[in-house]
Amino acid sequence: MKFFLIPLCALLVTAASVQAQWVDRTYTLLQGWNGVWLAGDASYTTVEELFSKYPEVLEVWRWNPDPDETAFTTTPSTPSTNSEEWTVWKSDHSEQALTQMIGNSAYLIRCNSATSVKINQLAIPPAATWLISGANFLGFPAVSGTPTMSSYFASFPSASTTVLAPGAQIYKYNGGELSNDDPNKNPLLVSAGSERMDPNKAYWFQIPTVGNFTAPVEYELPSTSGLAFGRSLTAITAGVTNRSTSTMTLTVSVEPSAVAPEFQTLVTGPVPLTRRIFNSSSNSYTETPITAPFTVTVPASGRLNLDFGVSRAGMTDSSLYYASILRIKDAGNLTDVQLPVSAQAATTAGLWYAQVKVTNVQNAQNPSGGSTTSQPFPLVFLMHMDSDNIGRLLSQAFVGKLTADGNPLGIALEESGILGYTQSDVKPQRYVAPQLPLTPRSYQALSGTFATGSTAQWSIPVYFDDPTNPFVHTYHPDHDNLDTDFKTKLESGDESYTVNRTCSFTFTSSPPDGSTISGWGTTVLGGTYTETLTGLGGTAPPPPPVTTPPTPADSKFLTVSGTFAMRRISEISEISDFKP
């Protein structure tokens, strides 16, 4: 029997997005209106808090591009609180719809005097989406003050609908009030041939096109978390595409992360990143620690892969977090990209999604018999291992940004513990083990860890009045635990019985069915499963689990067995506000 794992899109979303790599950016703002491009993500705090030290900032407007609206014809869009394309915060609290600043987004900031604003932000890969709406308010990862727009966009398709086409209009904000009549108009029409790119500025473009051009050199990464090795990955590949018609030489260096903001996970130190180079003679990779910048050459209109690894030899404490910035600049002084890198010590800590396939059933009254199921019976479990190697079964779990101070990414047992869809830029996820009672929310393991050769065991009482009890049928008068008046509650044993489940997971070094599963023992754990059920014969219910599993006291206990495999949903080692 080949073991099959159901694909979960949510695993890819939440597994690597736990921590952050930080950069500090300073924005020079003039009196009046300024166009700002926020390359990193600052949604860890509120707009109110970000600008609390800058009384000069009066308003912040975020541009929400809408492909169904035409907001740019011959002049840039005029900000209006009545437009869905703008979300606004004002220091006088007359507008408070904008609560957080997300990355790769354009903002208008109005000041009553010139100032410099420093924003600590999460590094994320650059991205830009060009819409055919006629209005594009965008910024780019250019080398500050060096390339002209014409040289930066030279590799953008040169048809009549591009940035450099005759008559194309590009505007920037240069301070002052919004005006179309003043000689120093704000925003001001600029010339692509002379305007020097500023990575902290956002520009208006009038281009009826759709695309994703970000830079002459672009990068493909596994997720917005960049090179996120987490606790288990040993190698990550970054794809590099040269969109220009000239050979590009890139300088790659590793820089330290900035200090994490308050309430965010502390950065212990830099990631011990390695460079992996494939040796065709030995058909293997050689790994070299990155201790100094190195260069690579990307052919014109070509592509190559940069392979990276991590050396965890010095990572002994699983609670510590390591972060760096992978900085890549091209020799033509066009682009300057900062990519996030993160890693932790290899442990099994985190939230796991386990799938069981029951294939054998044995009745206590016929110990020498037993039977094989006609087809595997599926069971689903949620398991969590914390940093102290304490394993728990969970009836449900919510993964997302917590409601706690700083809104860090985390795991909660109650939906009220995480921000909802409209409050967070991170999509919250709910996971449920439908065969477990919803109360209590968790069960601590009686023994074992998630290690090869170990058996993790849980005892789960399913009380006679629990909705998941197999004897209970809410709408059947003989199994609703109510007397004939449909009001008086009956006792255990009258219509239903308390069942106790003792679930054992034994971890093996390879798939027990003899199949081959990539990542077994690291990204995939599994082995054999055994469950003993007592109380099915209506005998006295076993006591709640304390320190040892119950011994079957009746002659009608049932044992089922099979195999299991599990993948990690999240590497977060602690459950928010957990109470045993």
Protein backbone atom coordinates (compact mmCIF):
# COMPACT_ATOMS: atom_id res chain seq x y z
CA MET A 1 0.00 0.00 0.00
CA LYS A 2 1.45 3.35 -1.01
CA PHE A 3 0.96 6.07 1.58
CA PHE A 4 -0.62 9.18 0.12
CA LEU A 5 -0.50 12.62 1.73
CA ILE A 6 -3.36 14.97 0.88
CA PRO A 7 -1.85 18.20 -0.53
CA LEU A 8 -2.54 21.21 1.67
CA CYS A 9 -2.04 24.64 0.05
CA ALA A 10 -2.09 26.18 3.50
CA LEU A 11 1.07 24.28 4.46
CA LEU A 12 3.01 26.26 1.89
CA VAL A 13 1.57 29.53 3.12
CA THR A 14 2.14 29.23 6.82
CA ALA A 15 5.16 27.00 7.25
CA ALA A 16 7.84 29.49 6.34
CA SER A 17 6.20 32.75 7.33
CA VAL A 18 6.83 32.64 11.04
CA GLN A 19 9.76 34.98 11.63
CA ALA A 20 11.26 38.10 10.11
CA GLN A 21 14.49 39.65 8.86
CA TRP A 22 14.60 43.37 9.47
CA VAL A 23 15.92 46.42 7.61
CA ASP A 24 15.83 50.10 8.58
CA ARG A 25 14.87 52.60 5.88
CA THR A 26 14.85 56.37 6.26
CA TYR A 27 12.44 58.44 4.15
CA THR A 28 13.22 62.10 3.50
CA LEU A 29 9.89 63.91 3.38
CA LEU A 30 9.26 67.47 2.18
CA GLN A 31 6.58 69.85 3.37
CA GLY A 32 3.38 68.97 1.55
CA TRP A 33 2.68 65.75 -0.37
CA ASN A 34 5.28 62.99 -0.86
CA GLY A 35 5.08 59.77 -2.86
CA VAL A 36 6.66 56.90 -0.89
CA TRP A 37 7.34 53.28 -1.86
CA LEU A 38 7.44 50.90 1.12
CA ALA A 39 9.62 48.02 -0.09
CA GLY A 40 9.40 46.10 3.20
CA ASP A 41 6.46 45.19 5.40
CA ALA A 42 5.66 47.29 8.49
CA SER A 43 2.33 45.69 9.41
CA TYR A 44 3.74 44.43 12.72
CA THR A 45 2.47 47.66 14.29
CA THR A 46 -0.11 50.36 13.62
CA VAL A 47 0.22 53.47 11.47
CA GLU A 48 -0.57 55.47 14.61
CA GLU A 49 2.41 53.95 16.41
CA LEU A 50 4.77 54.23 13.41
CA PHE A 51 4.29 58.00 13.16
CA SER A 52 3.82 58.75 16.88
CA LYS A 53 7.35 60.24 16.99
CA TYR A 54 6.79 62.36 13.88
CA PRO A 55 4.21 65.11 14.55
CA GLU A 56 5.09 66.62 11.16
CA VAL A 57 3.20 63.79 9.45
CA LEU A 58 -0.44 64.78 9.04
CA GLU A 59 -1.84 62.17 6.65
CA VAL A 60 -0.92 58.78 5.15
CA TRP A 61 -2.76 57.46 2.08
CA ARG A 62 -2.27 53.95 0.70
CA TRP A 63 -2.93 53.34 -2.99
CA ASN A 64 -5.09 50.28 -3.65
CA PRO A 65 -4.82 49.59 -7.40
CA ASP A 66 -8.13 48.56 -8.93
CA PRO A 67 -7.98 47.17 -12.48
CA ASP A 68 -11.69 47.92 -12.95
CA GLU A 69 -11.25 51.64 -12.31
CA THR A 70 -9.61 54.25 -14.55
CA ALA A 71 -8.13 56.80 -12.19
CA PHE A 72 -5.39 58.24 -14.40
CA THR A 73 -6.08 59.87 -17.75
CA THR A 74 -4.01 63.01 -18.36
CA THR A 75 -3.12 63.82 -14.75
CA PRO A 76 -2.41 61.65 -11.69
CA SER A 77 -5.25 60.53 -9.49
CA THR A 78 -6.37 63.15 -7.00
CA PRO A 79 -6.67 61.63 -3.51
CA SER A 80 -10.24 61.24 -2.37
CA THR A 81 -11.52 59.52 0.76
CA ASN A 82 -14.60 58.57 -1.26
CA SER A 83 -12.53 56.38 -3.59
CA GLU A 84 -11.97 52.70 -2.82
CA GLU A 85 -8.54 53.12 -4.37
CA TRP A 86 -7.35 55.02 -1.29
CA THR A 87 -7.18 53.95 2.36
CA VAL A 88 -6.45 56.84 4.71
CA TRP A 89 -5.02 57.66 8.14
CA LYS A 90 -5.03 61.20 9.53
CA SER A 91 -3.25 62.34 12.66
CA ASP A 92 -6.30 64.31 13.81
CA HIS A 93 -8.22 60.99 13.85
CA SER A 94 -10.80 62.21 11.35
CA GLU A 95 -9.85 59.25 9.13
CA GLN A 96 -8.57 55.97 10.60
CA ALA A 97 -9.31 53.34 7.93
CA LEU A 98 -5.60 52.76 7.27
CA THR A 99 -4.30 50.85 10.27
CA GLN A 100 -1.17 49.07 8.96
CA MET A 101 1.45 49.62 6.25
CA ILE A 102 2.05 46.57 4.08
CA GLY A 103 5.06 46.01 1.85
CA ASN A 104 5.53 46.55 -1.90
CA SER A 105 2.92 49.31 -1.74
CA ALA A 106 2.75 52.99 -2.66
CA TYR A 107 1.76 55.69 -0.14
CA LEU A 108 1.11 59.42 -0.17
CA ILE A 109 2.37 61.16 2.98
CA ARG A 110 1.46 64.76 3.75
CA CYS A 111 3.62 66.78 6.15
CA ASN A 112 3.32 70.26 7.65
CA SER A 113 7.13 70.63 7.50
CA ALA A 114 10.13 68.70 6.20
CA THR A 115 11.24 65.69 8.22
CA SER A 116 12.99 62.31 8.01
CA VAL A 117 11.06 59.21 9.01
CA LYS A 118 12.79 55.96 9.94
CA ILE A 119 10.69 52.81 9.48
CA ASN A 120 11.86 49.41 10.71
CA GLN A 121 10.41 46.86 8.28
CA LEU A 122 10.42 43.21 7.36
CA ALA A 123 12.50 42.50 4.27
CA ILE A 124 10.45 40.85 1.53
CA PRO A 125 11.29 40.10 -2.13
CA PRO A 126 10.45 43.01 -4.46
CA ALA A 127 7.25 42.80 -6.49
CA ALA A 128 5.21 45.03 -8.76
CA THR A 129 2.08 44.47 -10.79
CA TRP A 130 1.31 46.72 -13.75
CA LEU A 131 -2.39 47.17 -14.41
CA ILE A 132 -4.12 48.18 -17.61
CA SER A 133 -6.28 50.63 -15.65
CA GLY A 134 -4.18 53.54 -16.88
CA ALA A 135 -2.91 54.23 -13.34
CA ASN A 136 0.20 52.62 -11.90
CA PHE A 137 1.66 54.03 -8.66
CA LEU A 138 4.86 52.03 -8.14
CA GLY A 139 8.40 51.95 -6.77
CA PHE A 140 11.41 49.81 -7.68
CA PRO A 141 14.56 48.26 -6.10
CA ALA A 142 16.97 50.61 -7.88
CA VAL A 143 20.40 51.75 -6.71
CA SER A 144 19.58 55.03 -4.97
CA GLY A 145 20.12 58.09 -7.18
CA THR A 146 22.14 56.22 -9.84
CA PRO A 147 20.20 54.83 -12.81
CA THR A 148 18.04 57.01 -14.99
CA MET A 149 14.55 55.75 -15.65
CA SER A 150 15.42 55.21 -19.31
CA SER A 151 18.34 52.90 -18.45
CA TYR A 152 16.39 51.07 -15.70
CA PHE A 153 13.39 50.38 -17.96
CA ALA A 154 15.40 49.69 -21.12
CA SER A 155 14.56 45.98 -20.83
CA PHE A 156 10.83 46.65 -20.43
CA PRO A 157 9.18 45.65 -23.77
CA SER A 158 9.77 48.55 -26.14
CA ALA A 159 6.39 48.52 -27.87
CA SER A 160 4.30 51.69 -28.02
CA THR A 161 2.64 50.98 -24.67
CA THR A 162 5.74 51.04 -22.43
CA VAL A 163 7.39 53.47 -20.06
CA LEU A 164 9.82 54.76 -22.70
CA ALA A 165 7.30 55.14 -25.53
CA PRO A 166 6.87 58.65 -26.98
CA GLY A 167 4.24 60.53 -25.01
CA ALA A 168 4.39 58.22 -21.97
CA GLN A 169 3.77 60.23 -18.82
CA ILE A 170 5.62 59.73 -15.54
CA TYR A 171 4.99 61.85 -12.44
CA LYS A 172 6.68 62.22 -9.06
CA TYR A 173 5.76 64.16 -5.92
CA ASN A 174 8.12 67.01 -5.04
CA GLY A 175 6.51 68.48 -1.93
CA GLY A 176 4.05 71.34 -1.62
CA GLU A 177 0.32 71.24 -2.03
CA LEU A 178 -1.35 69.41 -4.91
CA SER A 179 -1.55 71.70 -7.92
CA ASN A 180 -1.77 71.52 -11.70
CA ASP A 181 -1.36 75.27 -12.30
CA ASP A 182 1.80 76.08 -10.38
CA PRO A 183 5.07 75.94 -12.44
CA ASN A 184 6.42 73.56 -9.81
CA LYS A 185 3.45 71.28 -10.11
CA ASN A 186 2.95 68.58 -7.51
CA PRO A 187 2.98 65.93 -8.81
CA LEU A 188 5.53 66.91 -11.42
CA LEU A 189 5.93 65.44 -14.89
CA VAL A 190 9.46 64.02 -15.23
CA SER A 191 11.69 62.98 -18.12
CA ALA A 192 12.67 59.32 -18.21
CA GLY A 193 16.01 60.27 -19.76
CA SER A 194 17.10 62.49 -16.86
CA GLU A 195 15.15 61.36 -13.80
CA ARG A 196 17.33 59.41 -11.35
CA MET A 197 15.58 56.50 -9.64
CA ASP A 198 14.96 56.61 -5.89
CA PRO A 199 13.98 53.24 -4.33
CA ASN A 200 12.08 55.02 -1.54
CA LYS A 201 9.86 56.98 -3.93
CA ALA A 202 6.66 55.99 -5.72
CA TYR A 203 5.98 57.25 -9.24
CA TRP A 204 2.85 57.52 -11.34
CA PHE A 205 2.99 55.83 -14.75
CA GLN A 206 0.47 56.18 -17.55
CA ILE A 207 0.92 52.91 -19.40
CA PRO A 208 -2.00 50.82 -20.68
CA THR A 209 -0.32 47.48 -20.10
CA VAL A 210 -0.38 44.50 -17.78
CA GLY A 211 2.80 42.89 -16.51
CA ASN A 212 5.02 42.13 -13.55
CA PHE A 213 8.24 43.96 -14.44
CA THR A 214 10.16 44.78 -11.28
CA ALA A 215 13.78 45.18 -12.36
CA PRO A 216 16.26 44.31 -15.14
CA VAL A 217 17.35 41.43 -12.88
CA GLU A 218 14.58 39.51 -11.11
CA TYR A 219 14.53 36.72 -8.53
CA GLU A 220 12.36 33.64 -8.01
CA LEU A 221 12.08 32.47 -4.39
CA PRO A 222 10.04 29.75 -2.67
CA SER A 223 7.89 32.30 -0.81
CA THR A 224 7.70 35.89 0.37
CA SER A 225 9.83 34.76 3.33
CA GLY A 226 12.79 34.45 0.94
CA LEU A 227 15.46 31.96 1.99
CA ALA A 228 13.52 30.61 4.97
CA PHE A 229 15.32 27.42 6.07
CA GLY A 230 13.21 27.09 9.20
CA ARG A 231 14.05 24.08 11.36
CA SER A 232 14.34 21.44 8.67
CA LEU A 233 15.36 22.71 5.22
CA THR A 234 18.98 22.19 4.23
CA ALA A 235 19.03 23.75 0.75
CA ILE A 236 17.13 26.49 -1.10
CA THR A 237 17.46 27.62 -4.71
CA ALA A 238 16.97 31.21 -5.86
CA GLY A 239 16.29 31.64 -9.57
CA VAL A 240 17.88 34.67 -11.28
CA THR A 241 16.54 36.06 -14.56
CA ASN A 242 18.34 38.68 -16.62
CA ARG A 243 15.71 40.57 -18.59
CA SER A 244 18.23 42.81 -20.32
CA THR A 245 20.06 42.17 -23.59
CA SER A 246 23.46 42.56 -21.91
CA THR A 247 25.43 40.19 -19.69
CA MET A 248 24.95 41.05 -16.01
CA THR A 249 27.55 40.56 -13.26
CA LEU A 250 26.02 40.36 -9.79
CA THR A 251 27.73 40.87 -6.44
CA VAL A 252 26.19 38.73 -3.70
CA SER A 253 26.84 39.48 -0.02
CA VAL A 254 25.35 38.55 3.35
CA GLU A 255 24.54 41.36 5.78
CA PRO A 256 23.20 41.26 9.34
CA SER A 257 19.54 41.83 10.09
CA ALA A 258 18.57 45.05 11.83
CA VAL A 259 17.35 44.80 15.42
CA ALA A 260 13.83 43.40 15.64
CA PRO A 261 11.07 45.81 16.73
CA GLU A 262 9.48 45.55 20.17
CA PHE A 263 7.27 42.47 20.68
CA GLN A 264 8.85 40.69 17.68
CA THR A 265 11.11 37.63 17.86
CA LEU A 266 14.65 38.60 18.82
CA VAL A 267 17.38 37.95 16.27
CA THR A 268 20.19 35.92 17.88
CA GLY A 269 22.70 36.39 15.09
CA PRO A 270 23.36 35.97 11.36
CA VAL A 271 22.46 32.81 9.47
CA PRO A 272 25.57 30.64 8.78
CA LEU A 273 24.76 30.60 5.08
CA THR A 274 26.68 28.43 2.62
CA ARG A 275 27.02 28.49 -1.15
CA ARG A 276 26.29 25.21 -2.90
CA ILE A 277 27.94 24.46 -6.25
CA PHE A 278 27.14 21.32 -8.18
CA ASN A 279 30.11 19.13 -9.14
CA SER A 280 29.20 17.11 -12.22
CA SER A 281 32.21 14.80 -11.77
CA SER A 282 31.13 13.61 -8.34
CA ASN A 283 27.43 14.21 -9.01
CA SER A 284 27.18 16.08 -5.71
CA TYR A 285 27.28 19.57 -4.22
CA THR A 286 30.20 21.24 -2.52
CA GLU A 287 29.27 23.70 0.23
CA THR A 288 31.39 26.67 1.19
CA PRO A 289 30.57 29.13 4.01
CA ILE A 290 29.84 32.62 2.68
CA THR A 291 32.31 34.83 4.54
CA ALA A 292 32.81 37.50 1.84
CA PRO A 293 30.96 38.84 -1.21
CA PHE A 294 31.14 36.76 -4.39
CA THR A 295 30.17 37.44 -7.99
CA VAL A 296 28.16 35.53 -10.59
CA THR A 297 27.49 36.30 -14.24
CA VAL A 298 24.06 35.98 -15.81
CA PRO A 299 23.99 35.79 -19.63
CA ALA A 300 21.98 38.27 -21.64
CA SER A 301 18.28 37.35 -21.58
CA GLY A 302 19.37 34.30 -19.61
CA ARG A 303 18.72 32.58 -16.33
CA LEU A 304 20.71 30.76 -13.65
CA ASN A 305 20.17 29.25 -10.21
CA LEU A 306 21.90 30.30 -7.00
CA ASP A 307 21.96 27.41 -4.54
CA PHE A 308 22.30 28.07 -0.82
CA GLY A 309 22.58 25.89 2.25
CA VAL A 310 22.82 26.43 5.99
CA SER A 311 25.34 25.07 8.50
CA ARG A 312 23.49 24.28 11.73
CA ALA A 313 26.58 23.02 13.56
CA GLY A 314 26.53 25.98 15.94
CA MET A 315 22.76 26.05 16.37
CA THR A 316 22.13 24.14 19.58
CA ASP A 317 19.23 26.02 21.15
CA SER A 318 15.96 25.45 19.30
CA SER A 319 14.40 28.56 20.83
CA LEU A 320 16.92 30.89 19.17
CA TYR A 321 16.31 32.57 15.83
CA TYR A 322 18.91 33.54 13.22
CA ALA A 323 18.35 36.10 10.45
CA SER A 324 20.35 37.84 7.72
CA ILE A 325 19.87 39.90 4.59
CA LEU A 326 21.08 38.56 1.22
CA ARG A 327 22.03 41.67 -0.72
CA ILE A 328 22.50 41.49 -4.50
CA LYS A 329 23.70 44.40 -6.67
CA ASP A 330 24.49 44.39 -10.38
CA ALA A 331 27.65 45.84 -11.91
CA GLY A 332 25.60 48.23 -14.02
CA ASN A 333 24.39 50.00 -10.83
CA LEU A 334 20.77 49.41 -11.77
CA THR A 335 19.40 47.23 -8.98
CA ASP A 336 19.99 46.80 -5.25
CA VAL A 337 17.90 43.97 -3.82
CA GLN A 338 17.62 42.86 -0.17
CA LEU A 339 16.27 39.33 0.32
CA PRO A 340 15.38 37.83 3.72
CA VAL A 341 17.28 34.81 5.11
CA SER A 342 16.29 32.92 8.27
CA ALA A 343 17.00 29.63 10.05
CA GLN A 344 16.63 27.82 13.37
CA ALA A 345 18.09 24.73 14.94
CA ALA A 346 16.70 21.50 13.46
CA THR A 347 13.97 20.19 15.75
CA THR A 348 10.53 18.68 15.41
CA ALA A 349 8.97 21.67 17.20
CA GLY A 350 5.86 23.09 15.60
CA LEU A 351 2.38 22.16 14.41
CA TRP A 352 1.99 18.95 12.38
CA TYR A 353 -0.87 17.63 10.26
CA ALA A 354 -1.04 13.84 10.53
CA GLN A 355 -2.99 11.42 8.37
CA VAL A 356 -3.68 7.91 9.56
CA LYS A 357 -4.77 4.98 7.43
CA VAL A 358 -6.39 2.24 9.50
CA THR A 359 -6.02 -1.11 7.73
CA ASN A 360 -6.48 -3.73 10.49
CA VAL A 361 -9.14 -4.35 13.15
CA GLN A 362 -8.84 -6.83 16.03
CA ASN A 363 -11.58 -7.74 18.52
CA ALA A 364 -10.52 -8.64 22.07
CA GLN A 365 -12.91 -11.60 22.01
CA ASN A 366 -10.96 -13.06 19.10
CA PRO A 367 -7.30 -12.11 19.73
CA SER A 368 -5.98 -14.65 17.22
CA GLY A 369 -8.28 -13.40 14.51
CA GLY A 370 -8.74 -9.90 13.26
CA SER A 371 -9.40 -8.66 9.80
CA THR A 372 -8.08 -6.34 7.16
CA THR A 373 -10.29 -3.46 6.09
CA SER A 374 -11.61 -3.56 2.53
CA GLN A 375 -10.02 -0.13 2.07
CA PRO A 376 -8.01 2.10 4.41
CA PHE A 377 -10.09 4.09 6.89
CA PRO A 378 -8.78 7.68 7.22
CA LEU A 379 -8.21 9.54 10.47
CA VAL A 380 -6.82 13.07 10.88
CA PHE A 381 -4.82 14.39 13.83
CA LEU A 382 -3.18 17.70 14.72
CA MET A 383 0.03 17.34 16.74
CA HIS A 384 2.15 20.04 18.32
CA MET A 385 5.63 19.71 19.79
CA ASP A 386 6.96 22.60 21.87
CA SER A 387 10.55 23.64 22.55
CA ASP A 388 10.62 21.45 25.69
CA ASN A 389 9.76 18.32 23.66
CA ILE A 390 6.25 18.15 25.09
CA GLY A 391 3.85 16.72 22.52
CA ARG A 392 0.16 17.51 22.38
CA LEU A 393 -2.83 16.45 20.32
CA LEU A 394 -5.04 19.40 19.40
CA SER A 395 -8.71 19.34 18.48
CA GLN A 396 -8.26 22.55 16.49
CA ALA A 397 -5.63 25.22 15.86
CA PHE A 398 -5.59 28.70 14.33
CA VAL A 399 -2.45 30.01 12.61
CA GLY A 400 -2.06 33.69 11.79
CA LYS A 401 -1.17 37.02 13.31
CA LEU A 402 -2.02 37.00 17.01
CA THR A 403 -4.14 39.60 18.78
CA ALA A 404 -1.33 39.94 21.33
CA ASP A 405 0.93 43.01 21.44
CA GLY A 406 2.84 43.47 18.20
CA ASN A 407 0.61 40.98 16.36
CA PRO A 408 3.36 38.38 15.81
CA LEU A 409 2.64 35.28 13.78
CA GLY A 410 1.58 32.47 16.07
CA ILE A 411 -0.70 29.56 16.93
CA ALA A 412 -3.86 29.91 19.01
CA LEU A 413 -6.40 27.34 20.18
CA GLU A 414 -9.28 29.83 19.94
CA GLU A 415 -10.31 31.86 16.92
CA SER A 416 -10.40 34.97 19.10
CA GLY A 417 -6.63 34.64 19.53
CA ILE A 418 -5.78 35.67 15.94
CA LEU A 419 -6.60 38.62 13.72
CA GLY A 420 -9.37 38.12 11.17
CA TYR A 421 -9.26 38.47 7.39
CA THR A 422 -10.01 42.19 7.43
CA GLN A 423 -7.50 42.97 10.19
CA SER A 424 -4.38 41.29 8.83
CA ASP A 425 -2.39 41.02 5.63
CA VAL A 426 -1.69 37.37 6.52
CA LYS A 427 -4.54 35.01 5.73
CA PRO A 428 -5.54 33.20 8.94
CA GLN A 429 -5.82 29.43 8.73
CA ARG A 430 -7.97 27.04 10.78
CA TYR A 431 -7.11 23.36 11.16
CA VAL A 432 -9.43 20.80 12.73
CA ALA A 433 -9.11 17.17 13.84
CA PRO A 434 -12.75 16.20 13.26
CA GLN A 435 -12.55 12.86 15.11
CA LEU A 436 -11.51 14.50 18.40
CA PRO A 437 -13.83 16.14 20.93
CA LEU A 438 -13.68 19.92 20.70
CA THR A 439 -13.36 20.10 24.49
CA PRO A 440 -10.74 19.98 25.84
CA ARG A 441 -8.71 21.72 23.14
CA SER A 442 -5.53 19.69 23.75
CA TYR A 443 -4.18 16.43 25.20
CA GLN A 444 -0.65 16.09 26.52
CA ALA A 445 1.31 12.99 25.48
CA LEU A 446 1.70 10.31 28.12
CA SER A 447 5.05 9.34 26.64
CA GLY A 448 7.36 9.71 23.67
CA THR A 449 8.59 12.37 21.24
CA PHE A 450 8.61 12.75 17.46
CA ALA A 451 11.86 10.84 17.03
CA THR A 452 12.68 7.63 15.15
CA GLY A 453 12.11 4.64 17.42
CA SER A 454 9.96 6.62 19.86
CA THR A 455 6.26 6.06 20.50
CA ALA A 456 4.11 9.08 21.31
CA GLN A 457 0.93 8.02 23.11
CA TRP A 458 -2.22 9.87 24.07
CA SER A 459 -5.32 8.83 26.03
CA ILE A 460 -8.51 10.53 24.86
CA PRO A 461 -11.80 10.12 26.76
CA VAL A 462 -14.88 10.64 24.58
CA TYR A 463 -17.55 11.25 27.19
CA PHE A 464 -21.05 9.86 26.83
CA ASP A 465 -22.58 13.29 26.10
CA ASP A 466 -19.93 14.52 23.67
CA PRO A 467 -21.22 15.19 20.12
CA THR A 468 -18.35 13.10 18.69
CA ASN A 469 -19.29 10.02 20.77
CA PRO A 470 -20.32 7.20 18.38
CA PHE A 471 -23.38 6.38 20.54
CA VAL A 472 -24.77 9.92 20.39
CA HIS A 473 -27.23 10.98 17.70
CA THR A 474 -28.61 14.46 18.35
CA TYR A 475 -31.90 13.91 16.52
CA HIS A 476 -32.55 10.26 17.44
CA PRO A 477 -34.78 9.92 20.53
CA ASP A 478 -33.06 6.71 21.60
CA HIS A 479 -29.57 8.22 21.48
CA ASP A 480 -29.93 11.89 22.46
CA ASN A 481 -29.23 11.38 26.20
CA LEU A 482 -32.64 12.89 27.05
CA ASP A 483 -35.57 11.32 28.89
CA THR A 484 -38.97 10.91 27.27
CA ASP A 485 -39.80 14.52 28.14
CA PHE A 486 -36.85 15.57 25.92
CA LYS A 487 -35.64 17.83 28.75
CA THR A 488 -34.20 15.69 31.52
CA LYS A 489 -30.59 14.67 30.91
CA LEU A 490 -29.79 10.97 31.35
CA GLU A 491 -26.71 9.51 33.00
CA SER A 492 -23.86 7.64 31.33
CA GLY A 493 -24.90 4.10 30.40
CA ASP A 494 -28.58 4.89 29.87
CA GLU A 495 -28.41 5.66 26.16
CA SER A 496 -24.71 6.20 25.49
CA TYR A 497 -21.37 5.25 27.02
CA THR A 498 -18.05 6.93 27.61
CA VAL A 499 -15.39 5.59 25.23
CA ASN A 500 -11.68 5.91 25.85
CA ARG A 501 -9.22 5.99 22.95
CA THR A 502 -5.55 5.20 23.51
CA CYS A 503 -3.69 6.37 20.40
CA SER A 504 -0.06 5.33 19.81
CA PHE A 505 2.22 6.69 17.06
CA THR A 506 5.50 4.83 16.57
CA PHE A 507 8.02 6.71 14.41
CA THR A 508 10.07 4.72 11.91
CA SER A 509 13.20 5.58 9.93
CA SER A 510 11.47 4.76 6.61
CA PRO A 511 7.88 4.40 5.37
CA PRO A 512 6.46 1.22 6.96
CA ASP A 513 4.79 0.15 3.72
CA GLY A 514 8.14 0.03 1.91
CA SER A 515 7.39 2.99 -0.34
CA THR A 516 9.73 5.90 -1.00
CA ILE A 517 8.67 9.34 0.23
CA SER A 518 10.96 12.31 -0.38
CA GLY A 519 11.94 14.05 2.84
CA TRP A 520 11.02 11.17 5.15
CA GLY A 521 12.55 11.81 8.57
CA THR A 522 12.85 15.59 8.05
CA THR A 523 9.94 17.26 6.27
CA VAL A 524 7.78 14.13 6.55
CA LEU A 525 7.53 12.01 9.71
CA GLY A 526 5.56 8.83 10.13
CA GLY A 527 5.39 5.18 11.06
CA THR A 528 2.86 2.74 12.51
CA TYR A 529 -0.36 3.58 14.28
CA THR A 530 -2.26 1.61 16.95
CA GLU A 531 -5.44 2.57 18.78
CA THR A 532 -7.26 0.72 21.57
CA LEU A 533 -10.88 1.59 22.28
CA THR A 534 -12.54 0.68 25.58
CA GLY A 535 -16.09 1.25 26.78
CA LEU A 536 -17.71 -0.02 23.61
CA GLY A 537 -19.44 -2.75 25.56
CA GLY A 538 -21.13 -0.37 27.95
CA THR A 539 -18.81 -1.08 30.89
CA ALA A 540 -17.93 1.57 33.44
CA PRO A 541 -16.05 4.45 31.85
CA PRO A 542 -12.30 4.67 32.43
CA PRO A 543 -11.03 7.63 34.46
CA PRO A 544 -9.67 10.70 32.64
CA PRO A 545 -6.01 10.33 31.66
CA VAL A 546 -3.46 11.43 34.25
CA THR A 547 -0.02 9.92 33.82
CA THR A 548 -0.58 6.45 32.41
CA PRO A 549 -2.94 5.06 29.79
CA PRO A 550 -5.88 2.97 31.03
CA THR A 551 -5.74 -0.82 31.00
CA PRO A 552 -8.67 -2.38 29.13
CA ALA A 553 -11.04 -3.58 31.85
CA ASP A 554 -13.75 -5.03 29.70
CA SER A 555 -13.69 -7.98 27.38
CA LYS A 556 -14.97 -6.03 24.42
CA PHE A 557 -12.15 -3.64 23.77
CA LEU A 558 -11.17 -3.10 20.17
CA THR A 559 -7.74 -2.56 18.63
CA VAL A 560 -7.18 -0.97 15.24
CA SER A 561 -3.87 -0.38 13.50
CA GLY A 562 -2.32 1.00 10.36
CA THR A 563 0.21 3.57 9.24
CA PHE A 564 0.55 7.34 9.48
CA ALA A 565 2.48 10.20 7.92
CA MET A 566 2.61 13.85 8.91
CA ARG A 567 3.84 17.16 7.56
CA ARG A 568 4.65 20.31 9.47
CA ILE A 569 2.13 23.12 9.06
CA SER A 570 4.03 25.66 11.15
CA GLU A 571 7.41 25.76 12.89
CA ILE A 572 6.09 27.95 15.73
CA SER A 573 7.17 26.12 18.87
CA GLU A 574 4.76 27.68 21.35
CA ILE A 575 0.98 27.96 21.51
CA SER A 576 -0.25 31.42 22.40
CA ASP A 577 -1.70 31.73 25.92
CA PHE A 578 -1.61 27.95 26.34
CA LYS A 579 -3.12 26.72 29.58
CA PRO A 580 -2.68 23.00 30.39
